[in-house]
């Protein structure tokens, strides 16, 4: 059955490991988690970034990530580690992976 554009943007997304978007998201999250764990510097919001990365991974592992929740986690991660330039390439990969699920519906931010 075909889904409308709005359903694809809002939906929970199903497909699990068969969905290449889920695979890409999990890979990008894993890379950022490894880089964050290896980063020697401490910063105030490190715990927030670690928790949100774990949440993203859990959503992807379930195979049913909700787009608004993905975007919220991405914003929290970016806010938490955005000033750590050493992590910028991996953060950009996570952003691109989240963008694969589509943009937010107008009016929902």
C-alpha atoms as a PDB file:
ATOM      1  CA  UNK A   1       0.000   0.000   0.000  1.00  0.00           C
ATOM      2  CA  UNK A   2       1.324   3.446  -0.888  1.00  0.00           C
ATOM      3  CA  UNK A   3       1.623   6.055   1.825  1.00  0.00           C
ATOM      4  CA  UNK A   4       0.975   9.734   1.275  1.00  0.00           C
ATOM      5  CA  UNK A   5       3.810  12.226   1.580  1.00  0.00           C
ATOM      6  CA  UNK A   6       2.389  13.463   4.877  1.00  0.00           C
ATOM      7  CA  UNK A   7       2.191   9.949   6.317  1.00  0.00           C
ATOM      8  CA  UNK A   8       5.812   9.326   5.351  1.00  0.00           C
ATOM      9  CA  UNK A   9       6.873  12.521   7.072  1.00  0.00           C
ATOM     10  CA  UNK A  10       4.869  12.015  10.242  1.00  0.00           C
ATOM     11  CA  UNK A  11       4.640   8.276  10.508  1.00  0.00           C
ATOM     12  CA  UNK A  12       6.428   5.880  12.530  1.00  0.00           C
ATOM     13  CA  UNK A  13       8.650   4.412   9.887  1.00  0.00           C
ATOM     14  CA  UNK A  14       8.686   0.658   9.605  1.00  0.00           C
ATOM     15  CA  UNK A  15      11.079  -1.644   7.896  1.00  0.00           C
ATOM     16  CA  UNK A  16      13.696  -2.379  10.535  1.00  0.00           C
ATOM     17  CA  UNK A  17      17.031  -3.651   9.269  1.00  0.00           C
ATOM     18  CA  UNK A  18      15.687  -3.858   5.715  1.00  0.00           C
ATOM     19  CA  UNK A  19      15.314  -0.088   5.578  1.00  0.00           C
ATOM     20  CA  UNK A  20      18.574   1.484   4.370  1.00  0.00           C
ATOM     21  CA  UNK A  21      17.702   4.699   6.232  1.00  0.00           C
ATOM     22  CA  UNK A  22      17.667   2.810   9.516  1.00  0.00           C
ATOM     23  CA  UNK A  23      20.977   1.158   8.670  1.00  0.00           C
ATOM     24  CA  UNK A  24      22.537   4.520   7.825  1.00  0.00           C
ATOM     25  CA  UNK A  25      21.201   6.115  11.009  1.00  0.00           C
ATOM     26  CA  UNK A  26      22.531   3.315  13.189  1.00  0.00           C
ATOM     27  CA  UNK A  27      25.948   3.501  11.513  1.00  0.00           C
ATOM     28  CA  UNK A  28      26.187   7.276  11.865  1.00  0.00           C
ATOM     29  CA  UNK A  29      25.102   7.149  15.503  1.00  0.00           C
ATOM     30  CA  UNK A  30      27.642   4.405  16.254  1.00  0.00           C
ATOM     31  CA  UNK A  31      30.459   6.455  14.693  1.00  0.00           C
ATOM     32  CA  UNK A  32      29.555   9.559  16.685  1.00  0.00           C
ATOM     33  CA  UNK A  33      29.232   7.552  19.897  1.00  0.00           C
ATOM     34  CA  UNK A  34      32.711   6.083  19.378  1.00  0.00           C
ATOM     35  CA  UNK A  35      34.238   9.495  18.639  1.00  0.00           C
ATOM     36  CA  UNK A  36      32.495  11.038  21.628  1.00  0.00           C
ATOM     37  CA  UNK A  37      33.717   8.249  23.915  1.00  0.00           C
ATOM     38  CA  UNK A  38      37.274   8.722  22.644  1.00  0.00           C
ATOM     39  CA  UNK A  39      37.181  12.521  22.932  1.00  0.00           C
ATOM     40  CA  UNK A  40      39.444  13.475  25.848  1.00  0.00           C
ATOM     41  CA  UNK A  41      37.857  16.806  26.670  1.00  0.00           C
ATOM     42  CA  UNK A  42      35.049  17.197  29.155  1.00  0.00           C
ATOM     43  CA  UNK A  43      32.162  19.561  28.535  1.00  0.00           C
ATOM     44  CA  UNK A  44      29.015  20.345  30.470  1.00  0.00           C
ATOM     45  CA  UNK A  45      26.480  18.661  28.180  1.00  0.00           C
ATOM     46  CA  UNK A  46      28.383  15.483  27.360  1.00  0.00           C
ATOM     47  CA  UNK A  47      25.890  13.332  29.293  1.00  0.00           C
ATOM     48  CA  UNK A  48      22.987  14.823  27.338  1.00  0.00           C
ATOM     49  CA  UNK A  49      24.707  13.978  24.051  1.00  0.00           C
ATOM     50  CA  UNK A  50      25.419  10.410  25.196  1.00  0.00           C
ATOM     51  CA  UNK A  51      21.818   9.890  26.353  1.00  0.00           C
ATOM     52  CA  UNK A  52      20.323  11.239  23.137  1.00  0.00           C
ATOM     53  CA  UNK A  53      22.667   9.161  20.997  1.00  0.00           C
ATOM     54  CA  UNK A  54      21.525   6.108  22.957  1.00  0.00           C
ATOM     55  CA  UNK A  55      17.906   7.147  22.355  1.00  0.00           C
ATOM     56  CA  UNK A  56      18.517   7.522  18.610  1.00  0.00           C
ATOM     57  CA  UNK A  57      20.121   4.098  18.495  1.00  0.00           C
ATOM     58  CA  UNK A  58      17.206   2.556  20.396  1.00  0.00           C
ATOM     59  CA  UNK A  59      14.666   4.144  18.042  1.00  0.00           C
ATOM     60  CA  UNK A  60      16.569   2.868  15.027  1.00  0.00           C
ATOM     61  CA  UNK A  61      16.969  -0.586  16.568  1.00  0.00           C
ATOM     62  CA  UNK A  62      13.186  -0.774  16.994  1.00  0.00           C
ATOM     63  CA  UNK A  63      12.861  -0.033  13.285  1.00  0.00           C
ATOM     64  CA  UNK A  64      10.076   2.479  13.937  1.00  0.00           C
ATOM     65  CA  UNK A  65      11.679   5.881  14.479  1.00  0.00           C
ATOM     66  CA  UNK A  66       9.264   8.788  14.795  1.00  0.00           C
ATOM     67  CA  UNK A  67      10.475  11.735  12.765  1.00  0.00           C
ATOM     68  CA  UNK A  68       9.649  14.462  15.311  1.00  0.00           C
ATOM     69  CA  UNK A  69      11.496  12.497  18.001  1.00  0.00           C
ATOM     70  CA  UNK A  70      14.489  11.942  15.693  1.00  0.00           C
ATOM     71  CA  UNK A  71      14.689  15.670  15.033  1.00  0.00           C
ATOM     72  CA  UNK A  72      14.362  16.534  18.727  1.00  0.00           C
ATOM     73  CA  UNK A  73      17.226  14.195  19.599  1.00  0.00           C
ATOM     74  CA  UNK A  74      19.332  15.645  16.804  1.00  0.00           C
ATOM     75  CA  UNK A  75      18.764  19.181  18.107  1.00  0.00           C
ATOM     76  CA  UNK A  76      19.719  18.167  21.639  1.00  0.00           C
ATOM     77  CA  UNK A  77      22.866  16.424  20.415  1.00  0.00           C
ATOM     78  CA  UNK A  78      23.842  19.378  18.242  1.00  0.00           C
ATOM     79  CA  UNK A  79      23.285  21.752  21.139  1.00  0.00           C
ATOM     80  CA  UNK A  80      25.310  19.574  23.464  1.00  0.00           C
ATOM     81  CA  UNK A  81      28.345  18.999  21.239  1.00  0.00           C
ATOM     82  CA  UNK A  82      28.017  21.665  18.569  1.00  0.00           C
ATOM     83  CA  UNK A  83      30.964  23.643  19.891  1.00  0.00           C
ATOM     84  CA  UNK A  84      33.299  20.626  19.827  1.00  0.00           C
ATOM     85  CA  UNK A  85      34.755  20.996  16.351  1.00  0.00           C
ATOM     86  CA  UNK A  86      36.502  17.603  16.494  1.00  0.00           C
ATOM     87  CA  UNK A  87      33.080  15.938  16.452  1.00  0.00           C
ATOM     88  CA  UNK A  88      31.609  18.044  13.622  1.00  0.00           C
ATOM     89  CA  UNK A  89      32.086  15.494  10.795  1.00  0.00           C
ATOM     90  CA  UNK A  90      30.333  12.707  12.717  1.00  0.00           C
ATOM     91  CA  UNK A  91      27.573  15.060  13.862  1.00  0.00           C
ATOM     92  CA  UNK A  92      27.007  16.039  10.221  1.00  0.00           C
ATOM     93  CA  UNK A  93      26.696  12.340   9.318  1.00  0.00           C
ATOM     94  CA  UNK A  94      24.014  11.860  11.972  1.00  0.00           C
ATOM     95  CA  UNK A  95      22.175  14.911  10.645  1.00  0.00           C
ATOM     96  CA  UNK A  96      22.284  13.559   7.086  1.00  0.00           C
ATOM     97  CA  UNK A  97      21.004  10.194   8.320  1.00  0.00           C
ATOM     98  CA  UNK A  98      18.098  11.827  10.163  1.00  0.00           C
ATOM     99  CA  UNK A  99      17.321  13.890   7.053  1.00  0.00           C
ATOM    100  CA  UNK A 100      16.858  10.651   5.097  1.00  0.00           C
ATOM    101  CA  UNK A 101      13.588  10.196   6.994  1.00  0.00           C
ATOM    102  CA  UNK A 102      12.201  13.460   5.609  1.00  0.00           C
ATOM    103  CA  UNK A 103      11.661  16.946   6.881  1.00  0.00           C
ATOM    104  CA  UNK A 104       9.210  18.079   9.504  1.00  0.00           C
ATOM    105  CA  UNK A 105       5.657  18.803   8.455  1.00  0.00           C
ATOM    106  CA  UNK A 106       4.918  22.543   8.281  1.00  0.00           C
ATOM    107  CA  UNK A 107       3.719  23.871  11.591  1.00  0.00           C
ATOM    108  CA  UNK A 108       5.369  21.066  13.561  1.00  0.00           C
ATOM    109  CA  UNK A 109       8.806  22.630  13.578  1.00  0.00           C
END
